[in-house]
C-alpha atoms as a PDB file:
ATOM      1  CA  MET A   1      14.758 -10.799  44.910  1.00  0.00           C
ATOM      2  CA  ARG A   2      12.331  -9.374  42.374  1.00  0.00           C
ATOM      3  CA  HIS A   3       9.108  -9.699  44.314  1.00  0.00           C
ATOM      4  CA  ARG A   4       6.223  -7.482  43.160  1.00  0.00           C
ATOM      5  CA  ILE A   5       8.154  -5.911  40.303  1.00  0.00           C
ATOM      6  CA  ALA A   6       5.905  -5.670  37.272  1.00  0.00           C
ATOM      7  CA  GLY A   7       7.062  -6.436  33.742  1.00  0.00           C
ATOM      8  CA  GLY A   8       9.699  -8.812  32.509  1.00  0.00           C
ATOM      9  CA  GLN A   9      13.284  -7.999  31.652  1.00  0.00           C
ATOM     10  CA  LEU A  10      13.201  -9.792  28.283  1.00  0.00           C
ATOM     11  CA  ASN A  11      17.030 -10.007  28.451  1.00  0.00           C
ATOM     12  CA  ARG A  12      17.335  -6.376  27.375  1.00  0.00           C
ATOM     13  CA  THR A  13      18.590  -3.173  28.914  1.00  0.00           C
ATOM     14  CA  SER A  14      15.955  -0.780  30.217  1.00  0.00           C
ATOM     15  CA  ALA A  15      16.355   1.597  27.256  1.00  0.00           C
ATOM     16  CA  HIS A  16      16.029  -1.304  24.806  1.00  0.00           C
ATOM     17  CA  ARG A  17      12.890  -2.519  26.616  1.00  0.00           C
ATOM     18  CA  VAL A  18      11.297   0.927  26.412  1.00  0.00           C
ATOM     19  CA  ALA A  19      12.116   1.197  22.693  1.00  0.00           C
ATOM     20  CA  LEU A  20      10.746  -2.310  22.064  1.00  0.00           C
ATOM     21  CA  ARG A  21       7.523  -1.503  23.908  1.00  0.00           C
ATOM     22  CA  ARG A  22       7.042   1.756  21.997  1.00  0.00           C
ATOM     23  CA  ASN A  23       7.737   0.149  18.615  1.00  0.00           C
ATOM     24  CA  LEU A  24       5.412  -2.806  19.230  1.00  0.00           C
ATOM     25  CA  ALA A  25       2.644  -0.488  20.447  1.00  0.00           C
ATOM     26  CA  ALA A  26       3.062   1.802  17.423  1.00  0.00           C
ATOM     27  CA  ALA A  27       2.956  -1.202  15.077  1.00  0.00           C
ATOM     28  CA  LEU A  28      -0.178  -2.506  16.811  1.00  0.00           C
ATOM     29  CA  PHE A  29      -1.942   0.849  16.498  1.00  0.00           C
ATOM     30  CA  GLU A  30      -0.917   1.138  12.844  1.00  0.00           C
ATOM     31  CA  HIS A  31      -1.790  -2.395  11.684  1.00  0.00           C
ATOM     32  CA  GLU A  32      -4.234  -3.409  14.479  1.00  0.00           C
ATOM     33  CA  THR A  33      -2.743  -6.905  14.572  1.00  0.00           C
ATOM     34  CA  ILE A  34       0.891  -7.996  14.899  1.00  0.00           C
ATOM     35  CA  SER A  35       2.738 -11.285  15.188  1.00  0.00           C
ATOM     36  CA  THR A  36       5.295 -11.554  17.981  1.00  0.00           C
ATOM     37  CA  THR A  37       6.443 -13.887  20.769  1.00  0.00           C
ATOM     38  CA  MET A  38       4.406 -14.565  23.908  1.00  0.00           C
ATOM     39  CA  PRO A  39       6.693 -12.745  26.403  1.00  0.00           C
ATOM     40  CA  LYS A  40       6.820  -9.629  24.206  1.00  0.00           C
ATOM     41  CA  ALA A  41       3.043  -9.685  23.692  1.00  0.00           C
ATOM     42  CA  LYS A  42       2.387  -9.976  27.420  1.00  0.00           C
ATOM     43  CA  HIS A  43       4.888  -7.196  28.095  1.00  0.00           C
ATOM     44  CA  VAL A  44       3.324  -4.721  25.659  1.00  0.00           C
ATOM     45  CA  LYS A  45      -0.339  -5.596  26.352  1.00  0.00           C
ATOM     46  CA  SER A  46      -0.714  -3.537  29.536  1.00  0.00           C
ATOM     47  CA  PHE A  47       1.175  -0.628  27.962  1.00  0.00           C
ATOM     48  CA  VAL A  48      -1.201  -0.586  24.968  1.00  0.00           C
ATOM     49  CA  GLU A  49      -4.295  -0.796  27.154  1.00  0.00           C
ATOM     50  CA  LYS A  50      -3.167   2.196  29.216  1.00  0.00           C
ATOM     51  CA  LEU A  51      -2.639   4.211  26.025  1.00  0.00           C
ATOM     52  CA  ILE A  52      -6.115   3.282  24.751  1.00  0.00           C
ATOM     53  CA  THR A  53      -7.576   4.414  28.090  1.00  0.00           C
ATOM     54  CA  LEU A  54      -5.824   7.765  27.590  1.00  0.00           C
ATOM     55  CA  ALA A  55      -7.284   7.946  24.080  1.00  0.00           C
ATOM     56  CA  LYS A  56     -10.785   7.321  25.439  1.00  0.00           C
ATOM     57  CA  LYS A  57     -10.498  10.507  27.522  1.00  0.00           C
ATOM     58  CA  GLY A  58      -9.556  12.418  24.386  1.00  0.00           C
ATOM     59  CA  ASP A  59      -8.581  15.717  26.028  1.00  0.00           C
ATOM     60  CA  LEU A  60      -5.454  17.710  25.282  1.00  0.00           C
ATOM     61  CA  ALA A  61      -3.616  16.607  28.419  1.00  0.00           C
ATOM     62  CA  SER A  62      -4.191  12.941  27.535  1.00  0.00           C
ATOM     63  CA  ARG A  63      -2.988  13.535  23.995  1.00  0.00           C
ATOM     64  CA  ARG A  64       0.194  15.191  25.271  1.00  0.00           C
ATOM     65  CA  ARG A  65       0.824  12.349  27.729  1.00  0.00           C
ATOM     66  CA  ALA A  66       0.395   9.806  24.944  1.00  0.00           C
ATOM     67  CA  ILE A  67       2.836  11.699  22.727  1.00  0.00           C
ATOM     68  CA  ALA A  68       5.343  11.821  25.603  1.00  0.00           C
ATOM     69  CA  ILE A  69       4.974   8.095  26.284  1.00  0.00           C
ATOM     70  CA  LEU A  70       4.749   6.766  22.725  1.00  0.00           C
ATOM     71  CA  GLY A  71       6.108   9.435  20.394  1.00  0.00           C
ATOM     72  CA  ASN A  72       4.228  10.740  17.376  1.00  0.00           C
ATOM     73  CA  HIS A  73       5.458   8.726  14.404  1.00  0.00           C
ATOM     74  CA  ASP A  74       4.027   9.070  10.924  1.00  0.00           C
ATOM     75  CA  ILE A  75       2.038   6.298   9.299  1.00  0.00           C
ATOM     76  CA  VAL A  76       3.450   5.915   5.806  1.00  0.00           C
ATOM     77  CA  LYS A  77       2.554   3.691   2.875  1.00  0.00           C
ATOM     78  CA  GLU A  78       4.444   3.059  -0.338  1.00  0.00           C
ATOM     79  CA  VAL A  79       2.305   3.717  -3.409  1.00  0.00           C
ATOM     80  CA  ASP A  80       3.820   3.332  -6.892  1.00  0.00           C
ATOM     81  CA  GLY A  81       7.360   3.678  -5.558  1.00  0.00           C
ATOM     82  CA  GLU A  82       6.583   6.883  -3.656  1.00  0.00           C
ATOM     83  CA  ILE A  83       6.185   7.111   0.100  1.00  0.00           C
ATOM     84  CA  GLU A  84       2.827   8.609   1.028  1.00  0.00           C
ATOM     85  CA  ARG A  85       1.997   9.952   4.502  1.00  0.00           C
ATOM     86  CA  LYS A  86      -1.301   8.623   5.898  1.00  0.00           C
ATOM     87  CA  GLY A  87      -1.320  10.391   9.284  1.00  0.00           C
ATOM     88  CA  THR A  88       0.248   9.815  12.686  1.00  0.00           C
ATOM     89  CA  ILE A  89       0.049   7.060  15.281  1.00  0.00           C
ATOM     90  CA  ILE A  90      -1.390   9.411  17.904  1.00  0.00           C
ATOM     91  CA  GLY A  91      -3.904  10.788  15.417  1.00  0.00           C
ATOM     92  CA  LYS A  92      -5.182   7.299  14.638  1.00  0.00           C
ATOM     93  CA  LEU A  93      -5.180   6.348  18.320  1.00  0.00           C
ATOM     94  CA  PHE A  94      -7.295   9.341  19.335  1.00  0.00           C
ATOM     95  CA  SER A  95      -9.569   9.590  16.278  1.00  0.00           C
ATOM     96  CA  GLU A  96     -10.266   5.912  15.448  1.00  0.00           C
ATOM     97  CA  ILE A  97      -9.154   3.526  18.185  1.00  0.00           C
ATOM     98  CA  GLY A  98     -10.148   5.525  21.285  1.00  0.00           C
ATOM     99  CA  PRO A  99     -13.763   6.211  20.229  1.00  0.00           C
ATOM    100  CA  ARG A 100     -14.173   2.569  19.212  1.00  0.00           C
ATOM    101  CA  TYR A 101     -13.794   1.475  22.844  1.00  0.00           C
ATOM    102  CA  LEU A 102     -15.815   4.193  24.633  1.00  0.00           C
ATOM    103  CA  ASP A 103     -18.403   1.682  25.856  1.00  0.00           C
ATOM    104  CA  ARG A 104     -15.816  -0.963  26.842  1.00  0.00           C
ATOM    105  CA  ALA A 105     -14.214  -0.992  30.299  1.00  0.00           C
ATOM    106  CA  GLY A 106     -10.820  -2.536  29.576  1.00  0.00           C
ATOM    107  CA  GLY A 107      -9.734  -5.654  27.721  1.00  0.00           C
ATOM    108  CA  TYR A 108      -8.958  -3.923  24.435  1.00  0.00           C
ATOM    109  CA  THR A 109      -6.413  -6.496  23.205  1.00  0.00           C
ATOM    110  CA  ARG A 110      -6.270 -10.250  22.791  1.00  0.00           C
ATOM    111  CA  ILE A 111      -3.429 -12.725  22.435  1.00  0.00           C
ATOM    112  CA  ILE A 112      -3.979 -15.698  20.123  1.00  0.00           C
ATOM    113  CA  ARG A 113      -1.436 -18.513  19.997  1.00  0.00           C
ATOM    114  CA  LEU A 114      -0.317 -19.490  16.506  1.00  0.00           C
ATOM    115  CA  ALA A 115       0.591 -23.002  15.438  1.00  0.00           C
ATOM    116  CA  LYS A 116       3.885 -21.854  13.938  1.00  0.00           C
ATOM    117  CA  THR A 117       7.273 -20.973  15.326  1.00  0.00           C
ATOM    118  CA  ARG A 118       9.975 -18.475  14.388  1.00  0.00           C
ATOM    119  CA  MET A 119      12.566 -19.849  11.976  1.00  0.00           C
ATOM    120  CA  GLY A 120      15.733 -18.751  13.769  1.00  0.00           C
ATOM    121  CA  ASP A 121      15.136 -19.973  17.318  1.00  0.00           C
ATOM    122  CA  ASN A 122      11.920 -22.036  17.118  1.00  0.00           C
ATOM    123  CA  SER A 123      10.169 -19.614  19.473  1.00  0.00           C
ATOM    124  CA  PRO A 124       6.358 -19.964  19.526  1.00  0.00           C
ATOM    125  CA  LEU A 125       4.544 -17.055  17.876  1.00  0.00           C
ATOM    126  CA  VAL A 126       1.310 -15.339  18.882  1.00  0.00           C
ATOM    127  CA  LEU A 127      -0.999 -12.747  17.362  1.00  0.00           C
ATOM    128  CA  LEU A 128      -1.550  -9.604  19.395  1.00  0.00           C
ATOM    129  CA  GLN A 129      -4.625  -7.801  18.095  1.00  0.00           C
ATOM    130  CA  LEU A 130      -7.129  -5.181  19.053  1.00  0.00           C
ATOM    131  CA  VAL A 131     -10.533  -6.549  20.057  1.00  0.00           C
ATOM    132  CA  GLY A 132     -13.363  -5.533  17.741  1.00  0.00           C
ATOM    133  CA  GLN A 133     -11.153  -5.436  14.677  1.00  0.00           C
ATOM    134  CA  GLU A 134     -13.008  -8.348  13.064  1.00  0.00           C
ATOM    135  CA  LYS A 135     -16.255  -6.322  13.075  1.00  0.00           C
ATOM    136  CA  GLN A 136     -14.645  -3.647  10.909  1.00  0.00           C
ATOM    137  CA  GLN A 137     -13.292  -6.235   8.484  1.00  0.00           C
ATOM    138  CA  THR A 138     -16.689  -7.878   7.997  1.00  0.00           C
ATOM    139  CA  GLU A 139     -18.380  -4.501   7.538  1.00  0.00           C
ATOM    140  CA  SER A 140     -15.860  -3.433   4.912  1.00  0.00           C
ATOM    141  CA  GLU A 141     -16.247  -6.774   3.119  1.00  0.00           C
ATOM    142  CA  GLY A 142     -20.026  -6.438   3.245  1.00  0.00           C
ATOM    143  CA  LYS A 143     -19.976  -2.997   1.602  1.00  0.00           C
ATOM    144  CA  GLY A 144     -18.571  -4.382  -1.663  1.00  0.00           C
ATOM    145  CA  LYS A 145     -20.756  -6.050  -4.244  1.00  0.00           C
ATOM    146  CA  LYS A 146     -21.073  -9.765  -3.856  1.00  0.00           C
ATOM    147  CA  LYS A 147     -20.067 -11.775  -6.860  1.00  0.00           C
ATOM    148  CA  ALA A 148     -22.209 -14.666  -7.941  1.00  0.00           C
ATOM    149  CA  ALA A 149     -20.546 -17.997  -7.374  1.00  0.00           C
ATOM    150  CA  LYS A 150     -19.627 -19.895 -10.505  1.00  0.00           C
ATOM    151  CA  LYS A 151     -21.768 -22.913 -11.087  1.00  0.00           C
ATOM    152  CA  LYS A 152     -19.802 -26.103 -11.563  1.00  0.00           C
ATOM    153  CA  LYS A 153     -20.434 -27.697 -14.915  1.00  0.00           C
ATOM    154  CA  THR A 154     -21.173 -31.366 -15.224  1.00  0.00           C
ATOM    155  CA  LYS A 155     -19.290 -33.630 -17.591  1.00  0.00           C
ATOM    156  CA  ALA A 156     -22.269 -33.700 -19.962  1.00  0.00           C
ATOM    157  CA  GLU A 157     -22.366 -29.892 -20.178  1.00  0.00           C
ATOM    158  CA  LYS A 158     -18.611 -29.750 -20.815  1.00  0.00           C
ATOM    159  CA  ALA A 159     -18.949 -32.330 -23.583  1.00  0.00           C
ATOM    160  CA  ALA A 160     -21.818 -30.386 -25.169  1.00  0.00           C
ATOM    161  CA  GLU A 161     -19.728 -27.200 -25.180  1.00  0.00           C
ATOM    162  CA  ALA A 162     -16.759 -29.031 -26.669  1.00  0.00           C
ATOM    163  CA  GLU A 163     -18.981 -30.319 -29.507  1.00  0.00           C
ATOM    164  CA  LYS A 164     -20.245 -26.807 -30.223  1.00  0.00           C
ATOM    165  CA  GLU A 165     -16.693 -25.471 -30.444  1.00  0.00           C
ATOM    166  CA  LEU A 166     -15.598 -28.136 -32.948  1.00  0.00           C
ATOM    167  CA  PRO A 167     -15.682 -26.829 -36.525  1.00  0.00           C
ATOM    168  CA  LYS A 168     -18.268 -28.551 -38.722  1.00  0.00           C
ATOM    169  CA  GLU A 169     -17.074 -29.863 -42.053  1.00  0.00           C
END
């Protein structure tokens, strides 16, 4: 019997489960929102929240524990056919994500059910995202200049413009 044993098996070996959890957590820290299945999202949620709690402490011992648990992968982006290094997962976790949640006591992630399913096996998909991410998106959108909305032209205005464009004989 499996009474009081935390975490699901997900039909994987223990090494595969650990690798899956690390990869999903790294992807979540890199992109701040990922699409996955409900069992995987529930499995990785507690793991991610423990890592964010380590990042809130911010000391060297916490950083070393996070590196031991998660690994320190590079964040890379392809720009004009060249791969450009943007930093590391642990660096982003401790410099951006950890300080963001200093005043929050847990509950750093949310799971949102999507109305679509995966093509291969029709498994329902969910979004796993960091809470507070939408604030950063609205702030970054607000920093740019707002463009004036185009005014819709009436039929009479369109006809007047068409008459002006016609060559006079």
